[in-house]
Amino acid sequence: MGYFLVHRRGEACYYPVLVTMIGDVILRGTECSNSPLACETSINLIRSLATDFSNYDLKESLHGKYFFEISDANGKTVAQSALFENEDTVFSSIELVIRMIPEAVVDEQLFPHYALNDR
């Protein structure tokens, strides 16, 4: 099982992340408005799309590493994964997200301490 946190970048930029039980960020949502509470909508959208493999797009970075994006019906990216060394690891990570997402909780205990501090 994993959990969602809300990270802060700068003074007023928030975005949700999906974290594995060992603390690795596996998925980052798009930026929310100037409030961490606005990320609830983003988390719900990610949760609704991430269980369907057809919403995933495999990509290759300019540096030859791989990642995936989750997109909505209009093709808008709602979340992007971390970078991976090879395609096999990307597909394993997609399978992990599909398994984790239905039960992933928003970790409210860590919210003020961990999630809102830049890492």
Protein backbone atom coordinates (compact mmCIF):
# COMPACT_ATOMS: atom_id res chain seq x y z
CA MET A 1 0.00 0.00 0.00
CA GLY A 2 1.13 3.56 -0.61
CA TYR A 3 -0.03 6.98 0.39
CA PHE A 4 -0.51 10.45 -0.99
CA LEU A 5 1.29 13.48 0.35
CA VAL A 6 1.10 17.10 -0.70
CA HIS A 7 4.45 18.77 -1.39
CA ARG A 8 5.14 22.46 -1.53
CA ARG A 9 7.53 24.12 -3.93
CA GLY A 10 8.14 27.79 -3.30
CA GLU A 11 5.64 29.97 -1.52
CA ALA A 12 2.39 28.98 -3.20
CA CYS A 13 2.91 25.95 -5.39
CA TYR A 14 1.53 22.60 -4.22
CA TYR A 15 1.33 19.21 -5.87
CA PRO A 16 0.34 15.70 -4.76
CA VAL A 17 2.73 12.76 -4.80
CA LEU A 18 2.13 9.04 -4.46
CA VAL A 19 4.70 7.47 -2.16
CA THR A 20 5.53 3.79 -1.70
CA MET A 21 5.68 2.25 1.76
CA ILE A 22 9.49 2.58 1.72
CA GLY A 23 9.22 6.30 1.05
CA ASP A 24 9.96 6.47 -2.68
CA VAL A 25 7.97 9.01 -4.69
CA ILE A 26 6.62 7.01 -7.61
CA LEU A 27 4.13 9.49 -9.06
CA ARG A 28 3.78 13.28 -9.04
CA GLY A 29 0.52 15.04 -9.83
CA THR A 30 0.24 18.35 -11.62
CA GLU A 31 0.44 21.57 -9.64
CA CYS A 32 -2.60 22.62 -7.66
CA SER A 33 -3.63 26.17 -6.94
CA ASN A 34 -2.15 28.14 -4.08
CA SER A 35 -3.68 25.87 -1.43
CA PRO A 36 -2.71 22.35 -0.38
CA LEU A 37 -6.41 21.60 0.06
CA ALA A 38 -6.90 22.13 -3.68
CA CYS A 39 -4.79 19.02 -4.24
CA GLU A 40 -7.71 16.88 -3.07
CA THR A 41 -9.32 17.31 -6.50
CA SER A 42 -6.06 16.35 -8.20
CA ILE A 43 -5.70 13.25 -6.01
CA ASN A 44 -9.26 12.17 -6.80
CA LEU A 45 -8.64 12.62 -10.53
CA ILE A 46 -5.41 10.62 -10.39
CA ARG A 47 -7.16 7.91 -8.40
CA SER A 48 -9.99 7.70 -10.97
CA LEU A 49 -7.63 7.44 -13.96
CA ALA A 50 -4.74 5.38 -12.59
CA THR A 51 -6.54 2.03 -12.48
CA ASP A 52 -6.98 1.95 -16.28
CA PHE A 53 -3.85 0.95 -18.20
CA SER A 54 -5.11 2.79 -21.29
CA ASN A 55 -4.53 6.12 -19.48
CA TYR A 56 -0.78 5.49 -19.25
CA ASP A 57 1.74 6.74 -21.80
CA LEU A 58 5.32 5.49 -21.86
CA LYS A 59 7.84 8.27 -22.57
CA GLU A 60 11.59 8.57 -23.01
CA SER A 61 13.46 11.55 -21.56
CA LEU A 62 16.10 13.54 -23.42
CA HIS A 63 18.69 11.68 -21.33
CA GLY A 64 17.54 8.21 -22.40
CA LYS A 65 15.63 7.36 -19.22
CA TYR A 66 12.03 6.27 -19.17
CA PHE A 67 8.91 7.48 -17.39
CA PHE A 68 5.16 7.32 -17.73
CA GLU A 69 2.37 9.86 -17.70
CA ILE A 70 -1.26 9.42 -16.77
CA SER A 71 -3.60 11.43 -18.98
CA ASP A 72 -7.30 12.24 -18.93
CA ALA A 73 -9.74 11.67 -21.81
CA ASN A 74 -8.67 14.97 -23.42
CA GLY A 75 -5.01 13.96 -23.37
CA LYS A 76 -4.07 16.35 -20.55
CA THR A 77 -1.36 14.96 -18.30
CA VAL A 78 -2.53 14.69 -14.69
CA ALA A 79 0.49 12.84 -13.24
CA GLN A 80 4.03 11.83 -14.18
CA SER A 81 6.27 9.14 -12.76
CA ALA A 82 9.84 9.27 -11.60
CA LEU A 83 12.57 8.43 -14.13
CA PHE A 84 13.59 4.80 -14.64
CA GLU A 85 16.60 3.18 -16.29
CA ASN A 86 14.68 0.81 -18.56
CA GLU A 87 11.23 0.04 -19.92
CA ASP A 88 10.81 -3.10 -17.79
CA THR A 89 11.09 -1.02 -14.62
CA VAL A 90 8.52 1.43 -15.99
CA PHE A 91 6.01 -1.36 -16.62
CA SER A 92 6.65 -2.81 -13.16
CA SER A 93 6.05 0.63 -11.68
CA ILE A 94 2.80 1.04 -13.62
CA GLU A 95 1.62 -2.30 -12.24
CA LEU A 96 2.58 -1.15 -8.75
CA VAL A 97 0.62 2.11 -9.13
CA ILE A 98 -2.43 0.23 -10.43
CA ARG A 99 -2.29 -2.06 -7.37
CA MET A 100 -1.57 0.73 -4.85
CA ILE A 101 -3.91 3.49 -6.01
CA PRO A 102 -7.28 2.06 -4.86
CA GLU A 103 -6.11 1.81 -1.25
CA ALA A 104 -3.68 4.73 -1.13
CA VAL A 105 -4.65 7.12 1.63
CA VAL A 106 -3.85 10.77 2.11
CA ASP A 107 -1.44 10.66 5.02
CA GLU A 108 -2.78 13.43 7.21
CA GLN A 109 -0.33 12.71 10.04
CA LEU A 110 2.62 13.44 7.79
CA PHE A 111 0.82 16.25 5.99
CA PRO A 112 2.04 19.21 8.06
CA HIS A 113 5.49 17.83 8.85
CA TYR A 114 6.67 16.02 5.75
CA ALA A 115 4.47 17.00 2.87
CA LEU A 116 4.58 20.76 3.07
CA ASN A 117 8.33 21.07 3.50
CA ASP A 118 10.57 21.20 0.45
CA ARG A 119 12.73 18.09 0.25
